[in-house]
Protein backbone atom coordinates (compact mmCIF):
# COMPACT_ATOMS: atom_id res chain seq x y z
CA MET A 1 -0.33 -0.07 0.04
CA ARG A 2 1.54 3.25 -0.83
CA ASP A 3 1.85 5.73 1.58
CA THR A 4 2.21 8.95 -0.18
CA LYS A 5 0.10 10.58 -3.10
CA THR A 6 -0.45 13.23 -5.43
CA GLU A 7 -3.22 14.48 -7.04
CA PHE A 8 -4.59 17.18 -9.29
CA LYS A 9 -7.00 19.22 -8.08
CA ILE A 10 -8.35 22.73 -9.36
CA PHE A 11 -9.91 25.43 -7.52
CA THR A 12 -10.92 28.79 -8.63
CA ILE A 13 -9.83 31.91 -7.15
CA PRO A 14 -13.34 32.41 -5.04
CA GLU A 15 -13.52 28.66 -4.07
CA TRP A 16 -11.20 28.54 -1.11
CA LYS A 17 -14.00 27.10 0.92
CA LYS A 18 -14.50 24.09 -1.30
CA GLU A 19 -10.69 23.34 -1.10
CA GLU A 20 -10.80 23.97 2.36
CA THR A 21 -13.33 20.80 2.82
CA TYR A 22 -11.09 18.67 -0.14
CA LEU A 23 -8.63 18.78 2.54
CA ARG A 24 -10.59 18.04 5.77
CA GLU A 25 -12.41 14.64 3.84
CA GLN A 26 -9.24 13.83 2.82
CA HIS A 27 -7.81 13.67 6.40
CA LYS A 28 -10.66 12.11 7.35
CA ASN A 29 -9.89 9.10 4.56
CA GLY A 30 -6.61 8.92 6.11
CA TRP A 31 -4.28 11.41 3.86
CA GLU A 32 -2.90 14.26 5.70
CA PHE A 33 -2.50 17.46 3.71
CA VAL A 34 1.71 17.59 3.00
CA SER A 35 1.79 20.61 0.57
CA VAL A 36 0.55 22.07 -2.87
CA SER A 37 2.69 22.85 -5.42
CA ALA A 38 2.76 23.75 -9.04
CA ILE A 39 0.25 23.19 -11.25
CA CYS A 40 -2.17 22.39 -8.28
CA ARG A 41 -0.67 18.99 -7.17
CA TYR A 42 -1.50 17.94 -3.92
CA HIS A 43 0.54 15.85 -2.24
CA PHE A 44 -0.76 13.82 0.80
CA LYS A 45 0.46 10.83 3.35
CA ARG A 46 -0.76 8.14 4.81
CA CYS A 47 -2.54 9.11 8.73
CA GLU A 48 -4.44 7.32 10.58
CA PRO A 49 -8.67 8.59 9.78
CA ARG A 50 -9.33 11.64 11.80
CA ASP A 51 -11.41 14.83 11.41
CA VAL A 52 -9.04 18.07 11.45
CA VAL A 53 -10.34 21.18 10.05
CA TYR A 54 -8.32 23.27 7.11
CA GLN A 55 -8.73 26.83 6.59
CA LEU A 56 -7.15 28.97 4.36
CA ASP A 57 -5.66 33.08 4.79
CA TYR A 58 -4.97 35.07 1.50
CA ASN A 59 -2.34 37.44 2.36
CA PRO A 60 0.50 37.89 0.26
CA GLU A 61 2.39 40.31 2.23
CA SER A 62 2.29 37.46 5.17
CA THR A 63 6.11 36.82 4.05
CA THR A 64 7.62 40.10 4.86
CA HIS A 65 5.92 39.28 8.59
CA LYS A 66 6.27 36.08 8.32
CA GLU A 67 7.14 35.17 11.84
CA GLU A 68 4.57 37.47 13.81
CA TYR A 69 1.75 36.30 10.92
CA VAL A 70 2.28 32.29 11.92
CA GLN A 71 2.37 32.91 15.53
CA MET A 72 -0.16 35.13 15.27
CA PHE A 73 -2.23 31.65 14.32
CA ARG A 74 -0.38 29.32 17.19
CA ASP A 75 -1.13 30.71 19.64
CA CYS A 76 -5.11 30.38 18.50
CA GLY A 77 -4.06 26.60 18.25
CA TRP A 78 -3.38 26.38 14.44
CA GLU A 79 -0.69 24.32 12.67
CA TYR A 80 1.00 26.75 9.80
CA LEU A 81 1.33 24.20 6.84
CA GLN A 82 2.54 26.35 3.91
CA ASN A 83 2.08 29.40 1.64
CA TYR A 84 1.29 29.15 -2.06
CA VAL A 85 0.47 31.87 -4.51
CA GLY A 86 -0.48 34.05 -1.31
CA TYR A 87 -2.72 31.36 0.24
CA SER A 88 -1.48 30.35 3.51
CA TYR A 89 -3.03 27.18 4.99
CA PHE A 90 -3.61 26.19 8.74
CA ARG A 91 -4.95 22.69 10.10
CA LYS A 92 -6.14 21.85 13.31
CA ALA A 93 -8.21 18.98 14.95
CA ALA A 94 -11.83 18.97 14.88
CA SER A 95 -11.73 17.99 18.67
CA GLU A 96 -9.35 21.10 19.62
CA MET A 97 -11.93 23.35 18.56
CA ASP A 98 -14.68 25.48 19.80
CA GLY A 99 -17.42 24.91 18.12
CA GLU A 100 -17.35 26.70 14.54
CA GLU A 101 -14.26 28.39 15.48
CA GLU A 102 -12.24 29.79 12.37
CA ILE A 103 -8.67 31.59 11.51
CA PHE A 104 -11.53 34.78 10.95
CA CYS A 105 -12.79 36.16 14.54
CA ASP A 106 -15.33 38.66 12.44
CA ASP A 107 -17.13 38.82 8.90
CA VAL A 108 -15.09 41.81 8.97
CA SER A 109 -11.85 39.96 8.57
CA ARG A 110 -13.69 37.53 6.00
CA LEU A 111 -14.78 40.31 3.85
CA ASP A 112 -11.58 42.04 4.09
CA MET A 113 -9.79 38.47 3.01
CA MET A 114 -11.90 38.27 -0.17
CA LYS A 115 -11.31 41.83 -0.85
CA ARG A 116 -7.66 41.19 -0.82
CA VAL A 117 -8.08 38.11 -3.29
CA PHE A 118 -10.04 40.23 -5.69
CA GLN A 119 -7.25 43.38 -5.28
CA GLN A 120 -4.55 40.99 -6.22
CA ARG A 121 -5.76 37.99 -8.31
CA MET A 122 -8.50 39.66 -10.37
CA THR A 123 -7.18 43.40 -10.93
CA PRO A 124 -4.71 42.35 -13.26
CA LEU A 125 -7.24 40.11 -15.03
CA LEU A 126 -9.16 43.08 -15.02
CA CYS A 127 -6.03 44.97 -16.95
CA VAL A 128 -5.15 42.53 -19.28
CA PHE A 129 -9.04 42.11 -20.08
CA PHE A 130 -9.85 45.69 -20.91
CA LEU A 131 -5.81 46.58 -21.90
CA ILE A 132 -5.54 43.78 -24.40
CA ILE A 133 -8.24 41.42 -24.92
CA ILE A 134 -10.63 44.06 -25.89
CA PRO A 135 -8.05 46.46 -28.26
CA GLN A 136 -7.27 42.92 -29.65
CA ILE A 137 -10.77 41.88 -30.87
CA LEU A 138 -11.45 45.64 -32.23
CA MET A 139 -7.84 45.56 -34.39
CA GLN A 140 -8.63 42.10 -35.46
CA SER A 141 -11.57 42.86 -36.99
CA LEU A 142 -11.03 44.94 -39.03
CA ILE A 143 -8.43 43.19 -40.91
CA ASP A 144 -9.38 41.03 -43.08
CA THR A 145 -6.82 37.92 -43.93
CA PRO A 146 -6.80 34.19 -42.62
CA VAL A 147 -3.92 34.82 -39.90
CA ASN A 148 -6.54 38.11 -38.36
CA HIS A 149 -9.77 35.57 -38.36
CA VAL A 150 -7.48 33.06 -36.39
CA LEU A 151 -6.49 35.75 -34.51
CA LEU A 152 -9.92 37.30 -34.00
CA ALA A 153 -10.74 34.25 -32.89
CA VAL A 154 -8.75 33.16 -30.04
CA PHE A 155 -9.40 36.36 -28.74
CA CYS A 156 -12.95 36.06 -28.89
CA ILE A 157 -12.24 32.47 -26.83
CA LEU A 158 -9.86 34.25 -24.49
CA PHE A 159 -12.83 37.28 -24.20
CA VAL A 160 -15.78 34.75 -23.24
CA LEU A 161 -13.23 32.41 -20.69
CA TYR A 162 -12.01 36.16 -19.15
CA PHE A 163 -15.92 36.62 -19.32
CA ILE A 164 -17.04 33.79 -17.66
CA LEU A 165 -14.62 33.79 -14.44
CA PHE A 166 -15.55 37.38 -14.02
CA ILE A 167 -18.77 35.92 -13.57
CA LEU A 168 -18.24 33.75 -11.22
CA PHE A 169 -16.13 36.00 -8.89
CA ALA A 170 -18.85 38.28 -8.90
CA ILE A 171 -21.48 35.58 -8.08
CA ARG A 172 -19.09 34.41 -5.35
CA PHE A 173 -18.31 37.02 -3.87
CA TRP A 174 -21.88 38.62 -3.65
CA GLU A 175 -22.97 35.60 -1.87
CA TYR A 176 -20.31 35.77 0.23
CA TYR A 177 -20.85 39.59 0.61
CA LYS A 178 -24.93 38.83 1.50
CA SER A 179 -23.82 35.86 3.96
CA VAL A 180 -22.23 38.10 6.01
CA ARG A 181 -23.94 41.07 5.81
CA LYS A 182 -26.88 39.31 7.49
């Protein structure tokens, strides 16, 4: 029987809750999360199945004051695991938690995390969308050559993909915003 496994799993920007649930389920099934690496590869090692809560915090500046940042969570009983593309990974045994304990102490903190995700991840995508994709669609549609038809098709596909990504993020953000503001 293998003692380690690696799984390829993609979670979009606003799906950190799904990622937390995925890691928790893996631990319940006897696979302790070790790390996540390039191209969404999740590494696990075999362990005794138990209920362990995983939580993520998006804080790209955490590496500048890493020791203080990690210590703040350790003081609350959370084990720091790693940073990956701006997200910090933490875990804590469910048996050590007080009810629905989370790394965020209030709804404002959760909403601040979503705003940080938006600023750090979505702003560059919006710039690419408005400064490259849309102008390219306009330019390629004005030139009538086979190469420009292919380029137009490519930029139209990118337009649709980016647009879907923005809509999904906006929906998730709005749902989360409404749930926090209740």
